[in-house]
């Protein structure tokens, strides 16, 4: 097993330029909104820990794909996340997709990483990034290990999971 060190960055910085107020200097008339930005480093000794990564492209077949978290195909071989929880994930849909791809718990052996009854639609060329800290409600095991992707034809979703 390889040592994992992950940098998690979540950033949305917006600058407002204020005009039309005579009391404001034209050289100092901006407000920057960045209070929600986050930058973390996670590894085997951090709290929460991060011990395993899986990155891959999921290509739908007939508009569907099942992610088995106990047998995730990656460039470095198959990854088994049994006994781990999802700490963070990112889903990114390709710009060439025909429509949104929806991520949800699997039809059988559902992994409820966000609780029950959730789904995340990822629009064409869109992305979803989420840090779960240590709050994922379940560890991956043989009874809770699948996520379902649904969309159109052979559209694809780039996926990365961080487990601890």
Protein backbone atom coordinates (compact mmCIF):
# COMPACT_ATOMS: atom_id res chain seq x y z
CA UNK A 1 0.00 0.00 0.00
CA UNK A 2 1.23 3.50 -0.82
CA UNK A 3 1.34 6.37 1.67
CA UNK A 4 -1.35 8.93 0.86
CA UNK A 5 -1.08 12.67 1.40
CA UNK A 6 -4.03 14.62 0.06
CA UNK A 7 -4.50 18.34 -0.39
CA UNK A 8 -8.15 19.30 -0.32
CA UNK A 9 -8.89 22.78 -1.68
CA UNK A 10 -12.36 24.24 -1.93
CA UNK A 11 -12.36 27.77 -3.25
CA UNK A 12 -14.83 30.24 -4.63
CA UNK A 13 -13.40 33.75 -4.50
CA UNK A 14 -15.53 36.58 -5.88
CA UNK A 15 -14.54 40.24 -6.20
CA UNK A 16 -17.21 42.94 -6.25
CA UNK A 17 -16.26 46.27 -7.78
CA UNK A 18 -18.30 49.06 -6.27
CA UNK A 19 -18.98 52.12 -8.39
CA UNK A 20 -21.12 55.19 -8.18
CA UNK A 21 -20.31 56.08 -4.56
CA UNK A 22 -18.41 59.39 -4.45
CA UNK A 23 -16.77 58.62 -1.09
CA UNK A 24 -14.97 55.55 -2.48
CA UNK A 25 -11.55 55.75 -4.03
CA UNK A 26 -11.47 54.34 -7.56
CA UNK A 27 -8.21 52.58 -6.66
CA UNK A 28 -9.72 50.86 -3.59
CA UNK A 29 -13.30 50.09 -4.49
CA UNK A 30 -13.43 46.30 -4.31
CA UNK A 31 -14.77 43.77 -1.83
CA UNK A 32 -13.42 40.20 -1.95
CA UNK A 33 -15.65 37.35 -0.78
CA UNK A 34 -13.48 34.38 0.25
CA UNK A 35 -14.43 33.49 3.83
CA UNK A 36 -15.68 30.01 2.88
CA UNK A 37 -12.47 28.90 1.16
CA UNK A 38 -10.81 25.85 2.70
CA UNK A 39 -7.36 24.28 2.33
CA UNK A 40 -6.57 21.03 4.18
CA UNK A 41 -3.88 18.38 4.16
CA UNK A 42 -4.99 14.85 5.02
CA UNK A 43 -2.79 11.79 5.57
CA UNK A 44 -2.52 8.68 7.76
CA UNK A 45 -1.85 10.73 10.93
CA UNK A 46 -4.27 13.61 10.37
CA UNK A 47 -7.71 13.87 11.95
CA UNK A 48 -9.56 12.56 10.12
CA UNK A 49 -7.08 10.19 8.53
CA UNK A 50 -6.65 9.57 4.80
CA UNK A 51 -5.19 6.24 3.81
CA UNK A 52 -6.47 5.25 0.38
CA UNK A 53 -7.17 6.95 -2.94
CA UNK A 54 -9.03 5.75 -6.02
CA UNK A 55 -9.17 7.78 -9.24
CA UNK A 56 -10.78 6.53 -12.43
CA UNK A 57 -13.09 7.31 -15.34
CA UNK A 58 -16.51 5.67 -15.21
CA UNK A 59 -17.90 5.21 -18.73
CA UNK A 60 -21.59 4.39 -18.81
CA UNK A 61 -22.91 1.45 -20.78
CA UNK A 62 -26.52 1.80 -21.84
CA UNK A 63 -26.74 4.85 -19.58
CA UNK A 64 -25.63 3.05 -16.40
CA UNK A 65 -22.51 2.18 -14.39
CA UNK A 66 -22.06 0.61 -10.95
CA UNK A 67 -19.12 1.60 -8.78
CA UNK A 68 -18.09 -1.27 -6.51
CA UNK A 69 -16.08 0.31 -3.69
CA UNK A 70 -14.53 -3.09 -2.87
CA UNK A 71 -13.11 -3.42 -6.39
CA UNK A 72 -12.40 0.00 -7.89
CA UNK A 73 -10.41 -0.17 -11.14
CA UNK A 74 -7.59 2.41 -11.20
CA UNK A 75 -4.41 2.97 -13.20
CA UNK A 76 -2.44 1.38 -10.34
CA UNK A 77 -4.63 -1.70 -10.06
CA UNK A 78 -7.81 -2.55 -8.19
CA UNK A 79 -8.49 -0.69 -4.95
CA UNK A 80 -10.55 -2.21 -2.11
CA UNK A 81 -11.97 0.35 0.34
CA UNK A 82 -13.44 -2.25 2.73
CA UNK A 83 -13.41 -1.03 6.33
CA UNK A 84 -12.95 2.61 5.25
CA UNK A 85 -15.22 5.65 5.00
CA UNK A 86 -15.24 8.22 2.21
CA UNK A 87 -13.46 11.34 3.48
CA UNK A 88 -13.75 13.37 0.27
CA UNK A 89 -14.74 12.94 -3.35
CA UNK A 90 -14.88 14.77 -6.63
CA UNK A 91 -17.05 13.96 -9.62
CA UNK A 92 -16.42 15.74 -12.94
CA UNK A 93 -18.56 15.21 -16.03
CA UNK A 94 -16.98 15.41 -19.45
CA UNK A 95 -17.75 18.38 -21.68
CA UNK A 96 -18.68 15.95 -24.47
CA UNK A 97 -21.44 14.26 -22.46
CA UNK A 98 -25.03 14.38 -23.76
CA UNK A 99 -26.59 15.19 -20.40
CA UNK A 100 -26.17 15.07 -16.63
CA UNK A 101 -24.93 11.96 -14.85
CA UNK A 102 -26.62 11.22 -11.53
CA UNK A 103 -24.68 9.57 -8.70
CA UNK A 104 -26.75 7.71 -6.07
CA UNK A 105 -26.56 4.72 -3.72
CA UNK A 106 -26.41 1.42 -5.60
CA UNK A 107 -29.51 -0.64 -6.35
CA UNK A 108 -28.12 -3.52 -4.27
CA UNK A 109 -25.53 -3.29 -1.49
CA UNK A 110 -26.07 0.50 -1.49
CA UNK A 111 -23.31 2.59 0.07
CA UNK A 112 -25.08 5.52 1.73
CA UNK A 113 -22.11 7.86 1.99
CA UNK A 114 -24.47 10.84 2.41
CA UNK A 115 -27.19 9.04 4.36
CA UNK A 116 -30.29 7.59 2.76
CA UNK A 117 -32.29 9.00 -0.14
CA UNK A 118 -29.58 11.17 -1.72
CA UNK A 119 -28.56 11.71 -5.32
CA UNK A 120 -26.19 14.15 -7.00
CA UNK A 121 -26.74 15.21 -10.63
CA UNK A 122 -23.47 16.30 -12.26
CA UNK A 123 -24.23 18.48 -15.31
CA UNK A 124 -22.30 18.35 -18.59
CA UNK A 125 -18.83 19.87 -17.93
CA UNK A 126 -19.83 20.33 -14.28
CA UNK A 127 -18.21 19.07 -11.12
CA UNK A 128 -19.04 18.30 -7.51
CA UNK A 129 -16.42 18.38 -4.75
CA UNK A 130 -17.27 17.40 -1.18
CA UNK A 131 -15.36 16.97 2.06
CA UNK A 132 -17.18 14.63 4.46
CA UNK A 133 -14.59 14.81 7.26
CA UNK A 134 -15.35 11.69 9.32
CA UNK A 135 -19.14 11.95 9.06
CA UNK A 136 -19.88 9.42 6.30
CA UNK A 137 -22.50 7.28 8.02
CA UNK A 138 -21.14 3.90 6.97
CA UNK A 139 -17.91 2.06 6.36
CA UNK A 140 -17.54 0.20 3.10
CA UNK A 141 -18.22 -3.54 3.47
CA UNK A 142 -19.74 -6.37 1.45
CA UNK A 143 -23.28 -5.28 2.38
CA UNK A 144 -22.71 -1.56 1.66
CA UNK A 145 -20.33 -1.08 -1.23
CA UNK A 146 -22.01 0.21 -4.41
CA UNK A 147 -22.89 3.52 -6.01
CA UNK A 148 -24.97 3.81 -9.19
CA UNK A 149 -24.37 6.22 -12.03
CA UNK A 150 -27.17 6.94 -14.48
CA UNK A 151 -27.18 9.11 -17.55
CA UNK A 152 -27.13 8.80 -21.32
CA UNK A 153 -25.48 6.14 -23.51
CA UNK A 154 -21.73 6.05 -23.06
CA UNK A 155 -21.28 9.40 -21.30
CA UNK A 156 -18.48 9.42 -18.71
CA UNK A 157 -17.65 10.77 -15.27
CA UNK A 158 -14.17 11.31 -13.85
CA UNK A 159 -14.12 10.23 -10.20
CA UNK A 160 -11.72 10.49 -7.29
CA UNK A 161 -12.38 9.16 -3.79
CA UNK A 162 -10.29 9.67 -0.67
CA UNK A 163 -10.89 7.06 2.05
CA UNK A 164 -9.80 6.84 5.66
